Amino acid sequence: MKQSCVSIIIPTFNFVKILALCLKSLFNQTYRNIEIIVVDSYSTNGTVEIAKKFDIRIILTHGGLLWTRYVGHLYSRGSIEVLLDSDQILKPRAIERCVEAIEKGCDMVILGVYSYRPRSLLQWLFYINRRHVID
């Protein structure tokens, strides 16, 4: 059975700090039929140079977040689109699991994000609950 192509659209603007880690996490995905599109709003700090080190499509355009996502959509070839922020790092099976959910009938998948280390008991309980639901 042919795998669906997944277009991963990443808007950027002056976000050089973690973009390479984000892109590396995409190249480590177990799901292989992906295209990566970085849509940059003419960054001035080396963001585009980081993106050029990877075998991906880079599109330059003026505009904010919604506009760059729309432009990425216009250039995408995949039957499934993933809107990813440039500071998100995916686990290796993330795209595979998204495709599985879509193929089972979901029309949209939202990825969970862990952005802080829990400190209080309540934060730990939320963290554990979220991990149980997402993983």
N, C-alpha and C. Protein backbone atom coordinates (compact mmCIF):
# COMPACT_ATOMS: atom_id res chain seq x y z
N MET A 1 0.84 -1.18 0.00
CA MET A 1 0.00 0.00 0.00
C MET A 1 0.88 1.25 0.00
N LYS A 2 0.56 2.20 -0.84
CA LYS A 2 1.35 3.42 -0.96
C LYS A 2 1.11 4.33 0.24
N GLN A 3 2.21 4.85 0.77
CA GLN A 3 2.12 5.78 1.90
C GLN A 3 1.65 7.15 1.42
N SER A 4 0.79 7.78 2.22
CA SER A 4 0.38 9.15 1.94
C SER A 4 1.59 10.07 2.14
N CYS A 5 1.69 11.08 1.27
CA CYS A 5 2.75 12.08 1.45
C CYS A 5 2.29 13.08 2.50
N VAL A 6 3.18 13.38 3.43
CA VAL A 6 2.90 14.34 4.48
C VAL A 6 3.76 15.59 4.26
N SER A 7 3.12 16.72 4.12
CA SER A 7 3.82 18.00 4.00
C SER A 7 3.92 18.63 5.39
N ILE A 8 5.14 18.91 5.81
CA ILE A 8 5.35 19.54 7.11
C ILE A 8 5.74 20.99 6.84
N ILE A 9 4.90 21.91 7.27
CA ILE A 9 5.06 23.34 6.99
C ILE A 9 5.55 24.03 8.26
N ILE A 10 6.71 24.69 8.16
CA ILE A 10 7.32 25.33 9.32
C ILE A 10 7.55 26.81 9.01
N PRO A 11 6.73 27.71 9.57
CA PRO A 11 6.99 29.14 9.41
C PRO A 11 8.16 29.56 10.29
N THR A 12 9.00 30.45 9.79
CA THR A 12 10.12 30.96 10.59
C THR A 12 10.29 32.46 10.38
N PHE A 13 10.83 33.07 11.40
CA PHE A 13 11.32 34.45 11.30
C PHE A 13 12.29 34.67 12.44
N ASN A 14 13.56 34.79 12.09
CA ASN A 14 14.63 35.02 13.07
C ASN A 14 14.58 34.00 14.21
N PHE A 15 14.47 32.74 13.85
CA PHE A 15 14.42 31.70 14.88
C PHE A 15 15.53 30.68 14.64
N VAL A 16 16.74 31.14 14.78
CA VAL A 16 17.91 30.31 14.51
C VAL A 16 18.24 29.37 15.67
N LYS A 17 17.75 29.67 16.87
CA LYS A 17 18.19 28.97 18.08
C LYS A 17 17.97 27.46 18.05
N ILE A 18 16.81 27.00 17.63
CA ILE A 18 16.49 25.58 17.76
C ILE A 18 16.01 24.95 16.45
N LEU A 19 16.01 25.72 15.37
CA LEU A 19 15.52 25.22 14.09
C LEU A 19 16.23 23.94 13.66
N ALA A 20 17.53 23.86 13.83
CA ALA A 20 18.27 22.66 13.41
C ALA A 20 17.78 21.42 14.16
N LEU A 21 17.49 21.56 15.45
CA LEU A 21 16.98 20.42 16.22
C LEU A 21 15.60 20.01 15.73
N CYS A 22 14.78 20.98 15.40
CA CYS A 22 13.46 20.70 14.86
C CYS A 22 13.59 19.90 13.56
N LEU A 23 14.44 20.37 12.65
CA LEU A 23 14.61 19.69 11.37
C LEU A 23 15.23 18.31 11.53
N LYS A 24 16.20 18.17 12.43
CA LYS A 24 16.79 16.85 12.68
C LYS A 24 15.72 15.87 13.18
N SER A 25 14.81 16.36 14.03
CA SER A 25 13.76 15.46 14.53
C SER A 25 12.86 14.99 13.39
N LEU A 26 12.72 15.80 12.35
CA LEU A 26 11.90 15.39 11.20
C LEU A 26 12.62 14.35 10.35
N PHE A 27 13.93 14.48 10.23
CA PHE A 27 14.70 13.50 9.47
C PHE A 27 14.83 12.18 10.22
N ASN A 28 14.52 12.16 11.51
CA ASN A 28 14.56 10.94 12.32
C ASN A 28 13.20 10.28 12.45
N GLN A 29 12.23 10.72 11.69
CA GLN A 29 10.88 10.14 11.77
C GLN A 29 10.86 8.73 11.18
N THR A 30 10.06 7.86 11.78
CA THR A 30 9.89 6.51 11.24
C THR A 30 9.06 6.53 9.96
N TYR A 31 8.21 7.52 9.83
CA TYR A 31 7.42 7.69 8.61
C TYR A 31 8.29 8.44 7.61
N ARG A 32 8.53 7.87 6.44
CA ARG A 32 9.53 8.41 5.53
C ARG A 32 8.98 9.29 4.40
N ASN A 33 7.73 9.15 4.04
CA ASN A 33 7.21 9.89 2.89
C ASN A 33 6.76 11.29 3.32
N ILE A 34 7.74 12.14 3.59
CA ILE A 34 7.44 13.51 4.02
C ILE A 34 8.17 14.51 3.15
N GLU A 35 7.59 15.68 3.04
CA GLU A 35 8.29 16.82 2.46
C GLU A 35 8.29 17.91 3.53
N ILE A 36 9.39 18.59 3.66
CA ILE A 36 9.54 19.63 4.68
C ILE A 36 9.63 20.96 3.96
N ILE A 37 8.77 21.88 4.37
CA ILE A 37 8.73 23.21 3.76
C ILE A 37 8.94 24.24 4.87
N VAL A 38 10.04 24.97 4.78
CA VAL A 38 10.27 26.09 5.69
C VAL A 38 9.87 27.36 4.96
N VAL A 39 8.95 28.10 5.55
CA VAL A 39 8.49 29.36 4.96
C VAL A 39 9.01 30.48 5.85
N ASP A 40 9.97 31.22 5.33
CA ASP A 40 10.65 32.24 6.13
C ASP A 40 10.25 33.64 5.68
N SER A 41 10.07 34.51 6.67
CA SER A 41 9.70 35.91 6.40
C SER A 41 10.92 36.81 6.36
N TYR A 42 11.91 36.39 5.58
CA TYR A 42 13.15 37.16 5.37
C TYR A 42 13.89 37.42 6.69
N SER A 43 14.24 36.34 7.36
CA SER A 43 15.02 36.43 8.60
C SER A 43 16.35 37.11 8.34
N THR A 44 16.86 37.76 9.37
CA THR A 44 18.14 38.49 9.24
C THR A 44 19.22 37.92 10.17
N ASN A 45 18.97 36.78 10.79
CA ASN A 45 19.93 36.28 11.78
C ASN A 45 20.52 34.91 11.45
N GLY A 46 20.41 34.44 10.24
CA GLY A 46 21.00 33.16 9.87
C GLY A 46 20.02 31.99 9.86
N THR A 47 18.76 32.25 10.09
CA THR A 47 17.76 31.18 10.09
C THR A 47 17.72 30.44 8.75
N VAL A 48 17.72 31.18 7.66
CA VAL A 48 17.66 30.56 6.33
C VAL A 48 18.92 29.74 6.06
N GLU A 49 20.06 30.23 6.51
CA GLU A 49 21.31 29.49 6.31
C GLU A 49 21.28 28.14 7.03
N ILE A 50 20.67 28.12 8.22
CA ILE A 50 20.50 26.84 8.94
C ILE A 50 19.61 25.91 8.12
N ALA A 51 18.50 26.42 7.62
CA ALA A 51 17.57 25.61 6.84
C ALA A 51 18.22 25.06 5.57
N LYS A 52 19.09 25.84 4.96
CA LYS A 52 19.75 25.41 3.71
C LYS A 52 20.68 24.22 3.92
N LYS A 53 21.05 23.93 5.14
CA LYS A 53 21.92 22.78 5.41
C LYS A 53 21.16 21.46 5.30
N PHE A 54 19.85 21.53 5.17
CA PHE A 54 19.01 20.34 5.08
C PHE A 54 18.40 20.24 3.69
N ASP A 55 18.04 19.04 3.29
CA ASP A 55 17.42 18.80 1.99
C ASP A 55 15.92 19.06 2.09
N ILE A 56 15.56 20.34 2.09
CA ILE A 56 14.17 20.74 2.26
C ILE A 56 13.84 21.88 1.30
N ARG A 57 12.56 22.19 1.18
CA ARG A 57 12.15 23.33 0.37
C ARG A 57 12.09 24.56 1.27
N ILE A 58 12.66 25.66 0.79
CA ILE A 58 12.64 26.91 1.53
C ILE A 58 11.94 27.95 0.67
N ILE A 59 10.96 28.61 1.26
CA ILE A 59 10.21 29.64 0.55
C ILE A 59 10.34 30.93 1.35
N LEU A 60 10.65 32.01 0.68
CA LEU A 60 10.75 33.32 1.31
C LEU A 60 9.51 34.14 0.95
N THR A 61 8.92 34.76 1.96
CA THR A 61 7.75 35.59 1.72
C THR A 61 7.63 36.61 2.85
N HIS A 62 7.03 37.72 2.57
CA HIS A 62 6.74 38.68 3.63
C HIS A 62 5.39 38.34 4.22
N GLY A 63 5.27 38.45 5.52
CA GLY A 63 3.99 38.20 6.16
C GLY A 63 4.16 37.59 7.52
N GLY A 64 3.06 37.53 8.24
CA GLY A 64 3.06 36.98 9.58
C GLY A 64 2.82 35.48 9.58
N LEU A 65 2.55 34.95 10.76
CA LEU A 65 2.41 33.52 10.96
C LEU A 65 1.32 32.90 10.08
N LEU A 66 0.14 33.46 10.08
CA LEU A 66 -0.95 32.88 9.28
C LEU A 66 -0.64 32.93 7.79
N TRP A 67 -0.05 34.02 7.34
CA TRP A 67 0.29 34.13 5.92
C TRP A 67 1.33 33.09 5.53
N THR A 68 2.37 32.90 6.35
CA THR A 68 3.41 31.93 6.00
C THR A 68 2.85 30.51 6.00
N ARG A 69 1.95 30.21 6.91
CA ARG A 69 1.32 28.89 6.89
C ARG A 69 0.49 28.70 5.62
N TYR A 70 -0.21 29.74 5.22
CA TYR A 70 -1.01 29.68 3.99
C TYR A 70 -0.10 29.47 2.77
N VAL A 71 0.99 30.20 2.71
CA VAL A 71 1.93 30.05 1.59
C VAL A 71 2.49 28.63 1.57
N GLY A 72 2.83 28.10 2.74
CA GLY A 72 3.30 26.72 2.82
C GLY A 72 2.26 25.75 2.29
N HIS A 73 1.01 25.99 2.63
CA HIS A 73 -0.10 25.16 2.13
C HIS A 73 -0.16 25.22 0.60
N LEU A 74 0.00 26.41 0.03
CA LEU A 74 -0.06 26.54 -1.43
C LEU A 74 1.04 25.74 -2.12
N TYR A 75 2.20 25.63 -1.51
CA TYR A 75 3.33 24.92 -2.11
C TYR A 75 3.38 23.44 -1.74
N SER A 76 2.54 23.01 -0.83
CA SER A 76 2.61 21.62 -0.37
C SER A 76 2.07 20.66 -1.42
N ARG A 77 2.65 19.47 -1.44
CA ARG A 77 2.21 18.42 -2.37
C ARG A 77 1.56 17.25 -1.65
N GLY A 78 1.64 17.24 -0.35
CA GLY A 78 1.13 16.11 0.42
C GLY A 78 -0.38 16.11 0.55
N SER A 79 -0.92 14.93 0.77
CA SER A 79 -2.36 14.81 1.02
C SER A 79 -2.68 15.08 2.49
N ILE A 80 -1.63 15.10 3.32
CA ILE A 80 -1.76 15.44 4.74
C ILE A 80 -0.78 16.57 5.02
N GLU A 81 -1.24 17.58 5.77
CA GLU A 81 -0.36 18.69 6.12
C GLU A 81 -0.20 18.76 7.63
N VAL A 82 1.04 19.00 8.06
CA VAL A 82 1.35 19.19 9.47
C VAL A 82 1.88 20.60 9.62
N LEU A 83 1.22 21.41 10.46
CA LEU A 83 1.68 22.76 10.75
C LEU A 83 2.52 22.68 12.01
N LEU A 84 3.81 22.95 11.87
CA LEU A 84 4.75 22.79 12.96
C LEU A 84 5.45 24.11 13.22
N ASP A 85 5.68 24.44 14.47
CA ASP A 85 6.45 25.64 14.80
C ASP A 85 7.93 25.29 14.77
N SER A 86 8.76 26.28 14.51
CA SER A 86 10.19 26.04 14.34
C SER A 86 10.91 25.66 15.63
N ASP A 87 10.23 25.75 16.76
CA ASP A 87 10.86 25.36 18.03
C ASP A 87 10.29 24.06 18.57
N GLN A 88 9.58 23.31 17.74
CA GLN A 88 9.02 22.04 18.18
C GLN A 88 9.90 20.89 17.71
N ILE A 89 10.13 19.94 18.60
CA ILE A 89 10.94 18.77 18.29
C ILE A 89 10.03 17.55 18.46
N LEU A 90 9.91 16.77 17.40
CA LEU A 90 8.99 15.64 17.42
C LEU A 90 9.69 14.35 17.82
N LYS A 91 8.95 13.51 18.52
CA LYS A 91 9.43 12.16 18.80
C LYS A 91 9.45 11.39 17.48
N PRO A 92 10.28 10.35 17.37
CA PRO A 92 10.46 9.65 16.09
C PRO A 92 9.19 9.08 15.46
N ARG A 93 8.18 8.70 16.24
CA ARG A 93 6.97 8.12 15.67
C ARG A 93 5.82 9.12 15.53
N ALA A 94 6.06 10.38 15.77
CA ALA A 94 4.98 11.37 15.78
C ALA A 94 4.21 11.42 14.45
N ILE A 95 4.92 11.54 13.35
CA ILE A 95 4.25 11.65 12.05
C ILE A 95 3.55 10.33 11.70
N GLU A 96 4.19 9.22 11.98
CA GLU A 96 3.58 7.91 11.73
C GLU A 96 2.26 7.78 12.49
N ARG A 97 2.24 8.19 13.74
CA ARG A 97 1.03 8.11 14.55
C ARG A 97 -0.05 9.06 14.04
N CYS A 98 0.35 10.24 13.56
CA CYS A 98 -0.63 11.17 12.98
C CYS A 98 -1.28 10.56 11.75
N VAL A 99 -0.47 9.98 10.88
CA VAL A 99 -1.00 9.36 9.66
C VAL A 99 -1.94 8.22 10.01
N GLU A 100 -1.56 7.40 10.98
CA GLU A 100 -2.43 6.29 11.40
C GLU A 100 -3.80 6.82 11.86
N ALA A 101 -3.79 7.90 12.63
CA ALA A 101 -5.04 8.48 13.12
C ALA A 101 -5.89 9.02 11.97
N ILE A 102 -5.25 9.71 11.03
CA ILE A 102 -5.97 10.26 9.87
C ILE A 102 -6.56 9.12 9.04
N GLU A 103 -5.77 8.07 8.83
CA GLU A 103 -6.26 6.95 8.01
C GLU A 103 -7.38 6.18 8.70
N LYS A 104 -7.49 6.30 10.02
CA LYS A 104 -8.59 5.65 10.75
C LYS A 104 -9.85 6.52 10.76
N GLY A 105 -9.78 7.71 10.19
CA GLY A 105 -10.97 8.54 10.09
C GLY A 105 -10.92 9.88 10.79
N CYS A 106 -9.87 10.16 11.55
CA CYS A 106 -9.76 11.49 12.17
C CYS A 106 -9.55 12.52 11.07
N ASP A 107 -10.17 13.67 11.20
CA ASP A 107 -9.95 14.71 10.21
C ASP A 107 -8.91 15.73 10.67
N MET A 108 -8.50 15.63 11.94
CA MET A 108 -7.49 16.54 12.46
C MET A 108 -6.82 15.89 13.67
N VAL A 109 -5.51 16.09 13.77
CA VAL A 109 -4.75 15.57 14.91
C VAL A 109 -4.01 16.74 15.52
N ILE A 110 -4.06 16.86 16.84
CA ILE A 110 -3.34 17.91 17.54
C ILE A 110 -2.23 17.25 18.35
N LEU A 111 -1.00 17.70 18.13
CA LEU A 111 0.14 17.14 18.84
C LEU A 111 0.29 17.80 20.20
N GLY A 112 0.55 17.00 21.21
CA GLY A 112 0.79 17.54 22.55
C GLY A 112 2.20 18.10 22.66
N VAL A 113 2.35 19.12 23.45
CA VAL A 113 3.64 19.78 23.60
C VAL A 113 4.02 19.82 25.07
N TYR A 114 5.25 19.45 25.36
CA TYR A 114 5.79 19.56 26.71
C TYR A 114 6.78 20.71 26.69
N SER A 115 6.47 21.79 27.39
CA SER A 115 7.32 22.97 27.33
C SER A 115 7.93 23.34 28.67
N TYR A 116 7.62 22.61 29.70
CA TYR A 116 8.20 22.94 31.00
C TYR A 116 8.36 21.67 31.82
N ARG A 117 9.21 21.74 32.81
CA ARG A 117 9.39 20.62 33.73
C ARG A 117 8.50 20.87 34.94
N PRO A 118 7.61 19.92 35.24
CA PRO A 118 6.72 20.13 36.39
C PRO A 118 7.48 20.24 37.70
N ARG A 119 7.00 21.11 38.58
CA ARG A 119 7.65 21.32 39.86
C ARG A 119 6.73 20.97 41.03
N SER A 120 5.49 21.34 40.96
CA SER A 120 4.56 21.08 42.06
C SER A 120 3.83 19.75 41.82
N LEU A 121 3.17 19.26 42.86
CA LEU A 121 2.40 18.03 42.74
C LEU A 121 1.31 18.16 41.67
N LEU A 122 0.62 19.28 41.67
CA LEU A 122 -0.44 19.49 40.68
C LEU A 122 0.12 19.48 39.25
N GLN A 123 1.26 20.16 39.05
CA GLN A 123 1.88 20.15 37.72
C GLN A 123 2.29 18.74 37.32
N TRP A 124 2.81 17.95 38.25
CA TRP A 124 3.18 16.57 37.96
C TRP A 124 1.96 15.75 37.57
N LEU A 125 0.84 15.95 38.26
CA LEU A 125 -0.37 15.20 37.93
C LEU A 125 -0.87 15.54 36.52
N PHE A 126 -0.85 16.82 36.16
CA PHE A 126 -1.23 17.21 34.81
C PHE A 126 -0.28 16.61 33.79
N TYR A 127 1.01 16.65 34.09
CA TYR A 127 2.04 16.12 33.20
C TYR A 127 1.83 14.62 32.97
N ILE A 128 1.62 13.86 34.03
CA ILE A 128 1.43 12.42 33.93
C ILE A 128 0.15 12.11 33.17
N ASN A 129 -0.92 12.83 33.45
CA ASN A 129 -2.18 12.63 32.74
C ASN A 129 -2.01 12.89 31.25
N ARG A 130 -1.34 13.96 30.90
CA ARG A 130 -1.13 14.31 29.49
C ARG A 130 -0.27 13.25 28.80
N ARG A 131 0.77 12.78 29.47
CA ARG A 131 1.63 11.74 28.89
C ARG A 131 0.83 10.47 28.66
N HIS A 132 -0.04 10.14 29.57
CA HIS A 132 -0.84 8.93 29.44
C HIS A 132 -1.78 9.03 28.24
N VAL A 133 -2.37 10.18 28.05
CA VAL A 133 -3.32 10.37 26.95
C VAL A 133 -2.60 10.42 25.61
N ILE A 134 -1.47 11.10 25.52
CA ILE A 134 -0.79 11.34 24.25
C ILE A 134 0.11 10.18 23.84
N ASP A 135 0.89 9.65 24.73
CA ASP A 135 1.85 8.59 24.38
C ASP A 135 1.20 7.28 24.25
